[in-house]
Amino acid sequence: MAWFQMQISAVLEKLDVDAEQGLSQPAADDRFAKYGANAFEEEKRKDFPQRYCII
């Protein structure tokens, strides 16, 4: 079942998170070590000629 179809309580239980407190610091540290930073990698932007010239 997709996350958006689940009841909130089921999602919180599956993620092992308390709705009022959030993650404990040790849990957050463990998830950071396992999954890395919650950030996107920036794409290198193409300059003007690269965007509009087909070679």
PDB file of N, CA and C in Angstrom:
ATOM      1  N   MET A   1       0.846  -1.177   0.000  1.00  0.00           N
ATOM      2  CA  MET A   1       0.000   0.000   0.000  1.00  0.00           C
ATOM      3  C   MET A   1       0.897   1.247   0.000  1.00  0.00           C
ATOM      4  N   ALA A   2       0.510   2.248  -0.765  1.00  0.00           N
ATOM      5  CA  ALA A   2       1.279   3.494  -0.847  1.00  0.00           C
ATOM      6  C   ALA A   2       1.126   4.297   0.453  1.00  0.00           C
ATOM      7  N   TRP A   3       2.156   5.076   0.773  1.00  0.00           N
ATOM      8  CA  TRP A   3       2.159   5.851   2.016  1.00  0.00           C
ATOM      9  C   TRP A   3       0.932   6.745   2.137  1.00  0.00           C
ATOM     10  N   PHE A   4       0.543   7.392   1.023  1.00  0.00           N
ATOM     11  CA  PHE A   4      -0.560   8.352   1.088  1.00  0.00           C
ATOM     12  C   PHE A   4      -1.913   7.674   1.306  1.00  0.00           C
ATOM     13  N   GLN A   5      -1.971   6.364   1.132  1.00  0.00           N
ATOM     14  CA  GLN A   5      -3.214   5.627   1.337  1.00  0.00           C
ATOM     15  C   GLN A   5      -3.331   5.073   2.758  1.00  0.00           C
ATOM     16  N   MET A   6      -2.265   5.143   3.515  1.00  0.00           N
ATOM     17  CA  MET A   6      -2.248   4.564   4.860  1.00  0.00           C
ATOM     18  C   MET A   6      -2.789   5.553   5.890  1.00  0.00           C
ATOM     19  N   GLN A   7      -3.306   5.003   6.978  1.00  0.00           N
ATOM     20  CA  GLN A   7      -3.711   5.829   8.108  1.00  0.00           C
ATOM     21  C   GLN A   7      -2.448   6.429   8.743  1.00  0.00           C
ATOM     22  N   ILE A   8      -2.580   7.620   9.298  1.00  0.00           N
ATOM     23  CA  ILE A   8      -1.434   8.294   9.905  1.00  0.00           C
ATOM     24  C   ILE A   8      -0.801   7.430  10.985  1.00  0.00           C
ATOM     25  N   SER A   9      -1.617   6.816  11.802  1.00  0.00           N
ATOM     26  CA  SER A   9      -1.087   5.985  12.885  1.00  0.00           C
ATOM     27  C   SER A   9      -0.268   4.814  12.339  1.00  0.00           C
ATOM     28  N   ALA A  10      -0.685   4.255  11.215  1.00  0.00           N
ATOM     29  CA  ALA A  10       0.050   3.134  10.615  1.00  0.00           C
ATOM     30  C   ALA A  10       1.399   3.598  10.063  1.00  0.00           C
ATOM     31  N   VAL A  11       1.422   4.779   9.473  1.00  0.00           N
ATOM     32  CA  VAL A  11       2.679   5.327   8.949  1.00  0.00           C
ATOM     33  C   VAL A  11       3.650   5.601  10.089  1.00  0.00           C
ATOM     34  N   LEU A  12       3.155   6.225  11.150  1.00  0.00           N
ATOM     35  CA  LEU A  12       4.010   6.519  12.304  1.00  0.00           C
ATOM     36  C   LEU A  12       4.568   5.238  12.912  1.00  0.00           C
ATOM     37  N   GLU A  13       3.746   4.221  12.996  1.00  0.00           N
ATOM     38  CA  GLU A  13       4.203   2.950  13.555  1.00  0.00           C
ATOM     39  C   GLU A  13       5.245   2.305  12.643  1.00  0.00           C
ATOM     40  N   LYS A  14       4.995   2.326  11.351  1.00  0.00           N
ATOM     41  CA  LYS A  14       5.926   1.715  10.397  1.00  0.00           C
ATOM     42  C   LYS A  14       7.288   2.424  10.417  1.00  0.00           C
ATOM     43  N   LEU A  15       7.264   3.745  10.573  1.00  0.00           N
ATOM     44  CA  LEU A  15       8.508   4.519  10.604  1.00  0.00           C
ATOM     45  C   LEU A  15       9.121   4.589  11.999  1.00  0.00           C
ATOM     46  N   ASP A  16       8.429   4.049  12.977  1.00  0.00           N
ATOM     47  CA  ASP A  16       8.883   4.061  14.367  1.00  0.00           C
ATOM     48  C   ASP A  16       9.164   5.484  14.844  1.00  0.00           C
ATOM     49  N   VAL A  17       8.137   6.337  14.709  1.00  0.00           N
ATOM     50  CA  VAL A  17       8.238   7.750  15.058  1.00  0.00           C
ATOM     51  C   VAL A  17       7.073   8.120  15.967  1.00  0.00           C
ATOM     52  N   ASP A  18       7.333   8.974  16.934  1.00  0.00           N
ATOM     53  CA  ASP A  18       6.287   9.507  17.801  1.00  0.00           C
ATOM     54  C   ASP A  18       5.797  10.821  17.199  1.00  0.00           C
ATOM     55  N   ALA A  19       4.494  10.964  17.011  1.00  0.00           N
ATOM     56  CA  ALA A  19       3.926  12.156  16.374  1.00  0.00           C
ATOM     57  C   ALA A  19       4.166  13.422  17.181  1.00  0.00           C
ATOM     58  N   GLU A  20       4.208  13.318  18.493  1.00  0.00           N
ATOM     59  CA  GLU A  20       4.405  14.489  19.346  1.00  0.00           C
ATOM     60  C   GLU A  20       5.872  14.853  19.518  1.00  0.00           C
ATOM     61  N   GLN A  21       6.737  13.851  19.613  1.00  0.00           N
ATOM     62  CA  GLN A  21       8.151  14.082  19.917  1.00  0.00           C
ATOM     63  C   GLN A  21       9.059  14.046  18.698  1.00  0.00           C
ATOM     64  N   GLY A  22       8.635  13.377  17.632  1.00  0.00           N
ATOM     65  CA  GLY A  22       9.512  13.199  16.476  1.00  0.00           C
ATOM     66  C   GLY A  22      10.536  12.115  16.769  1.00  0.00           C
ATOM     67  N   LEU A  23      11.665  12.177  16.099  1.00  0.00           N
ATOM     68  CA  LEU A  23      12.732  11.200  16.323  1.00  0.00           C
ATOM     69  C   LEU A  23      13.588  11.607  17.510  1.00  0.00           C
ATOM     70  N   SER A  24      14.061  10.625  18.240  1.00  0.00           N
ATOM     71  CA  SER A  24      15.045  10.927  19.280  1.00  0.00           C
ATOM     72  C   SER A  24      16.372  11.226  18.586  1.00  0.00           C
ATOM     73  N   GLN A  25      17.270  11.880  19.263  1.00  0.00           N
ATOM     74  CA  GLN A  25      18.563  12.216  18.660  1.00  0.00           C
ATOM     75  C   GLN A  25      19.332  10.962  18.236  1.00  0.00           C
ATOM     76  N   PRO A  26      19.381   9.906  19.062  1.00  0.00           N
ATOM     77  CA  PRO A  26      20.076   8.691  18.616  1.00  0.00           C
ATOM     78  C   PRO A  26      19.433   8.070  17.370  1.00  0.00           C
ATOM     79  N   ALA A  27      18.097   8.085  17.300  1.00  0.00           N
ATOM     80  CA  ALA A  27      17.416   7.542  16.122  1.00  0.00           C
ATOM     81  C   ALA A  27      17.727   8.388  14.883  1.00  0.00           C
ATOM     82  N   ALA A  28      17.734   9.704  15.046  1.00  0.00           N
ATOM     83  CA  ALA A  28      18.061  10.595  13.934  1.00  0.00           C
ATOM     84  C   ALA A  28      19.506  10.369  13.472  1.00  0.00           C
ATOM     85  N   ASP A  29      20.414  10.212  14.418  1.00  0.00           N
ATOM     86  CA  ASP A  29      21.813   9.947  14.075  1.00  0.00           C
ATOM     87  C   ASP A  29      21.964   8.629  13.325  1.00  0.00           C
ATOM     88  N   ASP A  30      21.235   7.601  13.767  1.00  0.00           N
ATOM     89  CA  ASP A  30      21.290   6.297  13.091  1.00  0.00           C
ATOM     90  C   ASP A  30      20.775   6.401  11.662  1.00  0.00           C
ATOM     91  N   ARG A  31      19.661   7.111  11.482  1.00  0.00           N
ATOM     92  CA  ARG A  31      19.096   7.260  10.133  1.00  0.00           C
ATOM     93  C   ARG A  31      19.997   8.100   9.245  1.00  0.00           C
ATOM     94  N   PHE A  32      20.639   9.106   9.820  1.00  0.00           N
ATOM     95  CA  PHE A  32      21.575   9.918   9.037  1.00  0.00           C
ATOM     96  C   PHE A  32      22.744   9.055   8.568  1.00  0.00           C
ATOM     97  N   ALA A  33      23.245   8.218   9.458  1.00  0.00           N
ATOM     98  CA  ALA A  33      24.370   7.338   9.093  1.00  0.00           C
ATOM     99  C   ALA A  33      23.947   6.329   8.031  1.00  0.00           C
ATOM    100  N   LYS A  34      22.722   5.850   8.114  1.00  0.00           N
ATOM    101  CA  LYS A  34      22.247   4.833   7.172  1.00  0.00           C
ATOM    102  C   LYS A  34      21.853   5.436   5.822  1.00  0.00           C
ATOM    103  N   TYR A  35      21.143   6.580   5.828  1.00  0.00           N
ATOM    104  CA  TYR A  35      20.569   7.133   4.598  1.00  0.00           C
ATOM    105  C   TYR A  35      21.261   8.401   4.094  1.00  0.00           C
ATOM    106  N   GLY A  36      22.065   9.036   4.927  1.00  0.00           N
ATOM    107  CA  GLY A  36      22.733  10.260   4.510  1.00  0.00           C
ATOM    108  C   GLY A  36      21.868  11.489   4.759  1.00  0.00           C
ATOM    109  N   ALA A  37      22.363  12.615   4.297  1.00  0.00           N
ATOM    110  CA  ALA A  37      21.678  13.892   4.506  1.00  0.00           C
ATOM    111  C   ALA A  37      20.383  13.934   3.701  1.00  0.00           C
ATOM    112  N   ASN A  38      19.427  14.661   4.207  1.00  0.00           N
ATOM    113  CA  ASN A  38      18.143  14.842   3.541  1.00  0.00           C
ATOM    114  C   ASN A  38      18.280  16.027   2.586  1.00  0.00           C
ATOM    115  N   ALA A  39      18.956  15.785   1.463  1.00  0.00           N
ATOM    116  CA  ALA A  39      19.219  16.873   0.524  1.00  0.00           C
ATOM    117  C   ALA A  39      19.340  16.319  -0.891  1.00  0.00           C
ATOM    118  N   PHE A  40      19.038  17.163  -1.852  1.00  0.00           N
ATOM    119  CA  PHE A  40      19.203  16.812  -3.252  1.00  0.00           C
ATOM    120  C   PHE A  40      20.582  17.244  -3.713  1.00  0.00           C
ATOM    121  N   GLU A  41      21.124  16.505  -4.673  1.00  0.00           N
ATOM    122  CA  GLU A  41      22.376  16.933  -5.280  1.00  0.00           C
ATOM    123  C   GLU A  41      22.051  17.959  -6.354  1.00  0.00           C
ATOM    124  N   GLU A  42      22.815  19.043  -6.391  1.00  0.00           N
ATOM    125  CA  GLU A  42      22.583  20.062  -7.398  1.00  0.00           C
ATOM    126  C   GLU A  42      23.110  19.602  -8.738  1.00  0.00           C
ATOM    127  N   GLU A  43      22.296  19.821  -9.766  1.00  0.00           N
ATOM    128  CA  GLU A  43      22.748  19.499 -11.113  1.00  0.00           C
ATOM    129  C   GLU A  43      23.602  20.639 -11.634  1.00  0.00           C
ATOM    130  N   LYS A  44      24.574  20.266 -12.439  1.00  0.00           N
ATOM    131  CA  LYS A  44      25.382  21.299 -13.076  1.00  0.00           C
ATOM    132  C   LYS A  44      24.515  21.964 -14.132  1.00  0.00           C
ATOM    133  N   ARG A  45      24.411  23.273 -14.067  1.00  0.00           N
ATOM    134  CA  ARG A  45      23.589  24.010 -15.020  1.00  0.00           C
ATOM    135  C   ARG A  45      24.321  24.174 -16.339  1.00  0.00           C
ATOM    136  N   LYS A  46      23.569  24.031 -17.402  1.00  0.00           N
ATOM    137  CA  LYS A  46      24.143  24.225 -18.729  1.00  0.00           C
ATOM    138  C   LYS A  46      24.149  25.709 -19.043  1.00  0.00           C
ATOM    139  N   ASP A  47      25.201  26.156 -19.691  1.00  0.00           N
ATOM    140  CA  ASP A  47      25.225  27.559 -20.077  1.00  0.00           C
ATOM    141  C   ASP A  47      24.357  27.752 -21.328  1.00  0.00           C
ATOM    142  N   PHE A  48      24.186  28.983 -21.748  1.00  0.00           N
ATOM    143  CA  PHE A  48      23.264  29.315 -22.826  1.00  0.00           C
ATOM    144  C   PHE A  48      23.498  28.504 -24.105  1.00  0.00           C
ATOM    145  N   PRO A  49      24.719  28.449 -24.656  1.00  0.00           N
ATOM    146  CA  PRO A  49      24.907  27.688 -25.900  1.00  0.00           C
ATOM    147  C   PRO A  49      24.606  26.194 -25.751  1.00  0.00           C
ATOM    148  N   GLN A  50      24.887  25.630 -24.615  1.00  0.00           N
ATOM    149  CA  GLN A  50      24.625  24.210 -24.414  1.00  0.00           C
ATOM    150  C   GLN A  50      23.125  23.930 -24.361  1.00  0.00           C
ATOM    151  N   ARG A  51      22.346  24.864 -23.901  1.00  0.00           N
ATOM    152  CA  ARG A  51      20.908  24.655 -23.811  1.00  0.00           C
ATOM    153  C   ARG A  51      20.213  24.774 -25.156  1.00  0.00           C
ATOM    154  N   TYR A  52      20.743  25.634 -26.039  1.00  0.00           N
ATOM    155  CA  TYR A  52      19.991  25.960 -27.247  1.00  0.00           C
ATOM    156  C   TYR A  52      20.663  25.524 -28.555  1.00  0.00           C
ATOM    157  N   CYS A  53      21.867  25.015 -28.490  1.00  0.00           N
ATOM    158  CA  CYS A  53      22.539  24.578 -29.710  1.00  0.00           C
ATOM    159  C   CYS A  53      22.557  23.058 -29.768  1.00  0.00           C
ATOM    160  N   ILE A  54      22.152  22.544 -30.900  1.00  0.00           N
ATOM    161  CA  ILE A  54      22.186  21.107 -31.113  1.00  0.00           C
ATOM    162  C   ILE A  54      23.342  20.810 -32.062  1.00  0.00           C
ATOM    163  N   ILE A  55      24.256  20.005 -31.563  1.00  0.00           N
ATOM    164  CA  ILE A  55      25.449  19.703 -32.361  1.00  0.00           C
ATOM    165  C   ILE A  55      25.457  18.225 -32.698  1.00  0.00           C
TER     166      ILE A  55
END
